[in-house]
Amino acid sequence: QVHLTESGGGSVQDGGSLRLSCAASAGYYCMAWFRQVAGNEREGVTSTDRSGRVTYADSVKGRFTISKDDAKNTLDLEMNSLKPEDTGIYYCALRLTTECGPLRAGFFSSWGQGTQVTVSS
């Protein structure tokens, strides 16, 4: 079992920026960020695999940037131009494969505790 611990998050105004970080107890796997709003399914935001290949949900392309440090087993998410619809609980996730494949929650076996992001208009 890989343990994930998120930090960052908070409340910002429309158009603001936030940075999330995730520390993993092991690395060299597919890692991703998901978000969830109460009553909705967990939505894939972005992922990066061992080769550095990155995918983004269409809703965040050009605004969010995922980055990882394999030496430190950390994963960051820089979020710019935030919108109220970005509000939700953000989760760091890990899949025990070197490639990520589809960004679906069911494929990921390890999850962080989640961190709240609130964007007000």
N, C-alpha and C. Protein backbone atom coordinates (compact mmCIF):
# COMPACT_ATOMS: atom_id res chain seq x y z
N GLN A 1 0.85 -1.19 0.00
CA GLN A 1 0.00 0.00 0.00
C GLN A 1 0.88 1.24 0.00
N VAL A 2 0.67 2.11 -0.98
CA VAL A 2 1.40 3.37 -1.06
C VAL A 2 0.59 4.45 -0.36
N HIS A 3 1.23 5.18 0.51
CA HIS A 3 0.54 6.24 1.24
C HIS A 3 0.76 7.58 0.54
N LEU A 4 -0.32 8.34 0.42
CA LEU A 4 -0.29 9.65 -0.23
C LEU A 4 -0.80 10.70 0.74
N THR A 5 -0.10 11.82 0.79
CA THR A 5 -0.49 12.90 1.68
C THR A 5 -0.51 14.21 0.90
N GLU A 6 -1.68 14.83 0.83
CA GLU A 6 -1.82 16.09 0.10
C GLU A 6 -1.62 17.28 1.03
N SER A 7 -1.24 18.39 0.42
CA SER A 7 -1.19 19.66 1.14
C SER A 7 -1.52 20.76 0.15
N GLY A 8 -1.82 21.92 0.68
CA GLY A 8 -2.22 23.03 -0.18
C GLY A 8 -3.73 23.14 -0.21
N GLY A 9 -4.26 23.77 -1.21
CA GLY A 9 -5.69 24.00 -1.26
C GLY A 9 -6.06 25.26 -0.50
N GLY A 10 -7.35 25.52 -0.42
CA GLY A 10 -7.82 26.71 0.28
C GLY A 10 -8.90 27.41 -0.53
N SER A 11 -9.08 28.68 -0.22
CA SER A 11 -10.13 29.48 -0.87
C SER A 11 -9.51 30.65 -1.61
N VAL A 12 -9.97 30.86 -2.84
CA VAL A 12 -9.49 31.98 -3.65
C VAL A 12 -10.66 32.58 -4.41
N GLN A 13 -10.44 33.76 -4.95
CA GLN A 13 -11.41 34.41 -5.81
C GLN A 13 -11.28 33.89 -7.24
N ASP A 14 -12.34 34.06 -7.98
CA ASP A 14 -12.36 33.74 -9.41
C ASP A 14 -11.14 34.39 -10.08
N GLY A 15 -10.37 33.56 -10.82
CA GLY A 15 -9.17 34.06 -11.49
C GLY A 15 -7.89 33.88 -10.70
N GLY A 16 -8.01 33.43 -9.47
CA GLY A 16 -6.86 33.25 -8.60
C GLY A 16 -6.09 31.98 -8.88
N SER A 17 -5.07 31.75 -8.07
CA SER A 17 -4.19 30.59 -8.24
C SER A 17 -4.00 29.85 -6.93
N LEU A 18 -3.78 28.56 -7.05
CA LEU A 18 -3.46 27.73 -5.90
C LEU A 18 -2.49 26.64 -6.35
N ARG A 19 -1.76 26.11 -5.38
CA ARG A 19 -0.84 25.01 -5.66
C ARG A 19 -1.10 23.88 -4.68
N LEU A 20 -1.26 22.69 -5.21
CA LEU A 20 -1.44 21.50 -4.39
C LEU A 20 -0.19 20.64 -4.48
N SER A 21 0.12 19.97 -3.40
CA SER A 21 1.26 19.06 -3.38
C SER A 21 0.84 17.72 -2.80
N CYS A 22 1.53 16.68 -3.25
CA CYS A 22 1.24 15.34 -2.77
C CYS A 22 2.57 14.63 -2.53
N ALA A 23 2.72 14.07 -1.35
CA ALA A 23 3.92 13.29 -1.03
C ALA A 23 3.55 11.82 -1.01
N ALA A 24 4.32 11.02 -1.73
CA ALA A 24 4.04 9.60 -1.83
C ALA A 24 5.13 8.80 -1.12
N SER A 25 4.73 7.65 -0.57
CA SER A 25 5.71 6.81 0.12
C SER A 25 6.52 5.98 -0.87
N ALA A 26 6.10 5.98 -2.13
CA ALA A 26 6.84 5.29 -3.19
C ALA A 26 6.57 5.99 -4.50
N GLY A 27 7.45 5.83 -5.45
CA GLY A 27 7.27 6.53 -6.70
C GLY A 27 7.37 5.63 -7.91
N TYR A 28 7.70 6.24 -9.03
CA TYR A 28 7.91 5.55 -10.29
C TYR A 28 6.66 4.87 -10.81
N TYR A 29 5.51 5.42 -10.50
CA TYR A 29 4.25 4.89 -11.00
C TYR A 29 3.46 6.02 -11.64
N CYS A 30 2.29 5.68 -12.13
CA CYS A 30 1.36 6.68 -12.63
C CYS A 30 0.76 7.42 -11.44
N MET A 31 0.76 8.74 -11.52
CA MET A 31 0.14 9.54 -10.47
C MET A 31 -0.80 10.54 -11.10
N ALA A 32 -1.82 10.91 -10.35
CA ALA A 32 -2.86 11.76 -10.93
C ALA A 32 -3.54 12.60 -9.86
N TRP A 33 -4.27 13.58 -10.34
CA TRP A 33 -5.15 14.39 -9.49
C TRP A 33 -6.59 14.19 -9.97
N PHE A 34 -7.47 13.96 -9.02
CA PHE A 34 -8.91 13.89 -9.26
C PHE A 34 -9.58 14.96 -8.40
N ARG A 35 -10.81 15.25 -8.74
CA ARG A 35 -11.60 16.16 -7.90
C ARG A 35 -13.03 15.66 -7.84
N GLN A 36 -13.68 16.03 -6.76
CA GLN A 36 -15.05 15.56 -6.54
C GLN A 36 -15.88 16.63 -5.88
N VAL A 37 -17.07 16.81 -6.39
CA VAL A 37 -18.07 17.67 -5.80
C VAL A 37 -19.14 16.76 -5.21
N ALA A 38 -19.66 17.12 -4.05
CA ALA A 38 -20.65 16.30 -3.36
C ALA A 38 -21.78 15.92 -4.31
N GLY A 39 -22.07 14.62 -4.36
CA GLY A 39 -23.14 14.14 -5.20
C GLY A 39 -22.71 13.74 -6.59
N ASN A 40 -21.47 14.04 -6.92
CA ASN A 40 -20.94 13.71 -8.25
C ASN A 40 -19.85 12.65 -8.14
N GLU A 41 -19.57 12.01 -9.25
CA GLU A 41 -18.46 11.05 -9.29
C GLU A 41 -17.12 11.78 -9.27
N ARG A 42 -16.11 11.05 -8.86
CA ARG A 42 -14.77 11.61 -8.84
C ARG A 42 -14.30 11.79 -10.29
N GLU A 43 -13.84 13.00 -10.59
CA GLU A 43 -13.48 13.38 -11.96
C GLU A 43 -11.96 13.47 -12.11
N GLY A 44 -11.42 12.84 -13.15
CA GLY A 44 -10.00 12.94 -13.41
C GLY A 44 -9.62 14.32 -13.91
N VAL A 45 -8.58 14.91 -13.33
CA VAL A 45 -8.13 16.25 -13.70
C VAL A 45 -6.88 16.17 -14.57
N THR A 46 -5.88 15.44 -14.10
CA THR A 46 -4.63 15.34 -14.83
C THR A 46 -3.84 14.15 -14.31
N SER A 47 -2.94 13.63 -15.15
CA SER A 47 -2.11 12.51 -14.75
C SER A 47 -0.73 12.63 -15.39
N THR A 48 0.23 11.94 -14.78
CA THR A 48 1.56 11.85 -15.35
C THR A 48 2.12 10.48 -15.06
N ASP A 49 2.80 9.90 -16.04
CA ASP A 49 3.32 8.55 -15.83
C ASP A 49 4.84 8.57 -15.67
N ARG A 50 5.41 7.40 -15.59
CA ARG A 50 6.84 7.31 -15.29
C ARG A 50 7.68 7.98 -16.37
N SER A 51 7.22 7.94 -17.62
CA SER A 51 7.98 8.55 -18.71
C SER A 51 7.81 10.06 -18.78
N GLY A 52 6.90 10.59 -17.97
CA GLY A 52 6.63 12.02 -17.99
C GLY A 52 5.50 12.42 -18.91
N ARG A 53 4.85 11.43 -19.49
CA ARG A 53 3.70 11.73 -20.36
C ARG A 53 2.57 12.27 -19.50
N VAL A 54 1.96 13.35 -19.97
CA VAL A 54 0.96 14.06 -19.18
C VAL A 54 -0.36 14.12 -19.94
N THR A 55 -1.47 13.99 -19.21
CA THR A 55 -2.79 14.21 -19.79
C THR A 55 -3.56 15.19 -18.91
N TYR A 56 -4.45 15.93 -19.53
CA TYR A 56 -5.29 16.89 -18.82
C TYR A 56 -6.73 16.74 -19.26
N ALA A 57 -7.65 16.95 -18.33
CA ALA A 57 -9.04 17.06 -18.70
C ALA A 57 -9.22 18.33 -19.53
N ASP A 58 -10.12 18.30 -20.48
CA ASP A 58 -10.32 19.47 -21.35
C ASP A 58 -10.64 20.72 -20.54
N SER A 59 -11.34 20.54 -19.44
CA SER A 59 -11.79 21.69 -18.64
C SER A 59 -10.65 22.44 -17.96
N VAL A 60 -9.47 21.82 -17.88
CA VAL A 60 -8.36 22.48 -17.17
C VAL A 60 -7.16 22.75 -18.06
N LYS A 61 -7.21 22.32 -19.30
CA LYS A 61 -6.08 22.53 -20.22
C LYS A 61 -5.75 24.01 -20.34
N GLY A 62 -4.46 24.31 -20.26
CA GLY A 62 -4.01 25.69 -20.36
C GLY A 62 -4.06 26.45 -19.06
N ARG A 63 -4.68 25.87 -18.03
CA ARG A 63 -4.78 26.56 -16.74
C ARG A 63 -4.06 25.80 -15.63
N PHE A 64 -4.07 24.48 -15.70
CA PHE A 64 -3.46 23.64 -14.68
C PHE A 64 -2.18 23.02 -15.22
N THR A 65 -1.21 22.84 -14.33
CA THR A 65 0.05 22.18 -14.71
C THR A 65 0.42 21.16 -13.65
N ILE A 66 0.64 19.93 -14.07
CA ILE A 66 1.06 18.87 -13.17
C ILE A 66 2.57 18.70 -13.29
N SER A 67 3.20 18.43 -12.17
CA SER A 67 4.64 18.19 -12.20
C SER A 67 4.99 17.19 -11.11
N LYS A 68 6.06 16.44 -11.33
CA LYS A 68 6.47 15.47 -10.32
C LYS A 68 7.97 15.48 -10.16
N ASP A 69 8.39 15.11 -8.98
CA ASP A 69 9.81 14.99 -8.68
C ASP A 69 10.04 13.54 -8.26
N ASP A 70 10.59 12.75 -9.17
CA ASP A 70 10.76 11.33 -8.89
C ASP A 70 11.76 11.08 -7.77
N ALA A 71 12.71 11.96 -7.60
CA ALA A 71 13.70 11.78 -6.54
C ALA A 71 13.06 11.96 -5.16
N LYS A 72 12.07 12.83 -5.10
CA LYS A 72 11.43 13.12 -3.81
C LYS A 72 10.07 12.44 -3.67
N ASN A 73 9.62 11.78 -4.73
CA ASN A 73 8.29 11.15 -4.73
C ASN A 73 7.19 12.15 -4.42
N THR A 74 7.25 13.29 -5.05
CA THR A 74 6.23 14.31 -4.85
C THR A 74 5.55 14.65 -6.16
N LEU A 75 4.31 15.08 -6.04
CA LEU A 75 3.49 15.44 -7.19
C LEU A 75 2.83 16.78 -6.89
N ASP A 76 2.96 17.73 -7.79
CA ASP A 76 2.37 19.05 -7.58
C ASP A 76 1.32 19.35 -8.65
N LEU A 77 0.41 20.23 -8.30
CA LEU A 77 -0.58 20.72 -9.25
C LEU A 77 -0.67 22.23 -9.10
N GLU A 78 -0.21 22.92 -10.12
CA GLU A 78 -0.31 24.38 -10.16
C GLU A 78 -1.61 24.72 -10.88
N MET A 79 -2.47 25.48 -10.20
CA MET A 79 -3.78 25.81 -10.76
C MET A 79 -3.88 27.32 -10.91
N ASN A 80 -4.02 27.78 -12.13
CA ASN A 80 -4.14 29.20 -12.43
C ASN A 80 -5.49 29.49 -13.07
N SER A 81 -5.84 30.76 -13.09
CA SER A 81 -7.12 31.19 -13.69
C SER A 81 -8.27 30.34 -13.18
N LEU A 82 -8.30 30.16 -11.89
CA LEU A 82 -9.32 29.30 -11.30
C LEU A 82 -10.72 29.87 -11.49
N LYS A 83 -11.67 28.96 -11.64
CA LYS A 83 -13.06 29.31 -11.85
C LYS A 83 -13.91 28.68 -10.75
N PRO A 84 -15.07 29.22 -10.48
CA PRO A 84 -15.95 28.62 -9.46
C PRO A 84 -16.23 27.14 -9.72
N GLU A 85 -16.30 26.75 -10.98
CA GLU A 85 -16.56 25.34 -11.29
C GLU A 85 -15.39 24.43 -10.99
N ASP A 86 -14.25 24.99 -10.61
CA ASP A 86 -13.10 24.18 -10.17
C ASP A 86 -13.23 23.79 -8.70
N THR A 87 -14.21 24.33 -8.03
CA THR A 87 -14.42 24.03 -6.62
C THR A 87 -14.67 22.55 -6.39
N GLY A 88 -14.07 22.00 -5.36
CA GLY A 88 -14.26 20.60 -5.02
C GLY A 88 -13.17 20.10 -4.09
N ILE A 89 -13.26 18.84 -3.76
CA ILE A 89 -12.20 18.20 -3.00
C ILE A 89 -11.25 17.56 -4.00
N TYR A 90 -9.98 17.88 -3.88
CA TYR A 90 -8.97 17.38 -4.80
C TYR A 90 -8.21 16.24 -4.14
N TYR A 91 -8.06 15.16 -4.88
CA TYR A 91 -7.40 13.97 -4.38
C TYR A 91 -6.18 13.64 -5.23
N CYS A 92 -5.11 13.29 -4.58
CA CYS A 92 -3.95 12.71 -5.23
C CYS A 92 -4.17 11.20 -5.33
N ALA A 93 -3.81 10.61 -6.45
CA ALA A 93 -4.04 9.18 -6.63
C ALA A 93 -2.85 8.54 -7.33
N LEU A 94 -2.69 7.25 -7.10
CA LEU A 94 -1.58 6.52 -7.68
C LEU A 94 -2.07 5.19 -8.24
N ARG A 95 -1.54 4.85 -9.38
CA ARG A 95 -1.86 3.58 -10.02
C ARG A 95 -0.55 2.82 -10.15
N LEU A 96 -0.56 1.54 -9.75
CA LEU A 96 0.67 0.75 -9.72
C LEU A 96 1.04 0.23 -11.10
N THR A 97 1.10 1.15 -12.04
CA THR A 97 1.57 0.85 -13.39
C THR A 97 2.48 1.99 -13.82
N THR A 98 3.36 1.72 -14.76
CA THR A 98 4.26 2.78 -15.21
C THR A 98 3.58 3.72 -16.20
N GLU A 99 2.52 3.25 -16.85
CA GLU A 99 1.73 4.10 -17.72
C GLU A 99 0.35 4.30 -17.10
N CYS A 100 -0.27 5.43 -17.40
CA CYS A 100 -1.53 5.76 -16.73
C CYS A 100 -2.75 5.16 -17.42
N GLY A 101 -2.80 5.20 -18.72
CA GLY A 101 -4.02 4.77 -19.38
C GLY A 101 -5.16 5.74 -19.12
N PRO A 102 -6.40 5.28 -19.25
CA PRO A 102 -7.56 6.17 -19.05
C PRO A 102 -7.58 6.75 -17.64
N LEU A 103 -7.98 8.01 -17.56
CA LEU A 103 -8.02 8.70 -16.27
C LEU A 103 -9.35 8.42 -15.58
N ARG A 104 -9.46 7.21 -15.07
CA ARG A 104 -10.68 6.77 -14.39
C ARG A 104 -10.36 6.35 -12.97
N ALA A 105 -11.19 6.80 -12.03
CA ALA A 105 -10.91 6.57 -10.62
C ALA A 105 -10.76 5.09 -10.28
N GLY A 106 -11.53 4.24 -10.93
CA GLY A 106 -11.51 2.82 -10.62
C GLY A 106 -10.19 2.14 -10.91
N PHE A 107 -9.33 2.76 -11.71
CA PHE A 107 -8.05 2.17 -12.05
C PHE A 107 -6.96 2.50 -11.03
N PHE A 108 -7.25 3.39 -10.10
CA PHE A 108 -6.25 3.86 -9.15
C PHE A 108 -6.46 3.20 -7.79
N SER A 109 -5.36 2.70 -7.22
CA SER A 109 -5.47 1.89 -6.01
C SER A 109 -5.13 2.63 -4.72
N SER A 110 -4.42 3.75 -4.83
CA SER A 110 -4.04 4.50 -3.63
C SER A 110 -4.54 5.92 -3.74
N TRP A 111 -5.05 6.44 -2.63
CA TRP A 111 -5.64 7.78 -2.62
C TRP A 111 -5.18 8.56 -1.39
N GLY A 112 -5.03 9.86 -1.57
CA GLY A 112 -4.80 10.73 -0.43
C GLY A 112 -6.11 11.03 0.28
N GLN A 113 -6.04 11.82 1.32
CA GLN A 113 -7.21 12.11 2.13
C GLN A 113 -8.07 13.21 1.51
N GLY A 114 -7.55 13.92 0.54
CA GLY A 114 -8.30 14.98 -0.12
C GLY A 114 -8.03 16.34 0.52
N THR A 115 -8.09 17.37 -0.30
CA THR A 115 -7.92 18.74 0.17
C THR A 115 -8.94 19.62 -0.54
N GLN A 116 -9.56 20.51 0.20
CA GLN A 116 -10.64 21.34 -0.33
C GLN A 116 -10.09 22.53 -1.12
N VAL A 117 -10.66 22.74 -2.29
CA VAL A 117 -10.39 23.93 -3.09
C VAL A 117 -11.73 24.63 -3.32
N THR A 118 -11.79 25.89 -2.94
CA THR A 118 -13.01 26.67 -3.10
C THR A 118 -12.70 27.94 -3.89
N VAL A 119 -13.41 28.13 -4.98
CA VAL A 119 -13.22 29.31 -5.81
C VAL A 119 -14.54 30.09 -5.81
N SER A 120 -14.50 31.29 -5.31
CA SER A 120 -15.70 32.10 -5.22
C SER A 120 -15.74 33.15 -6.32
N SER A 121 -16.95 33.46 -6.74
CA SER A 121 -17.12 34.43 -7.83
C SER A 121 -17.22 35.85 -7.30
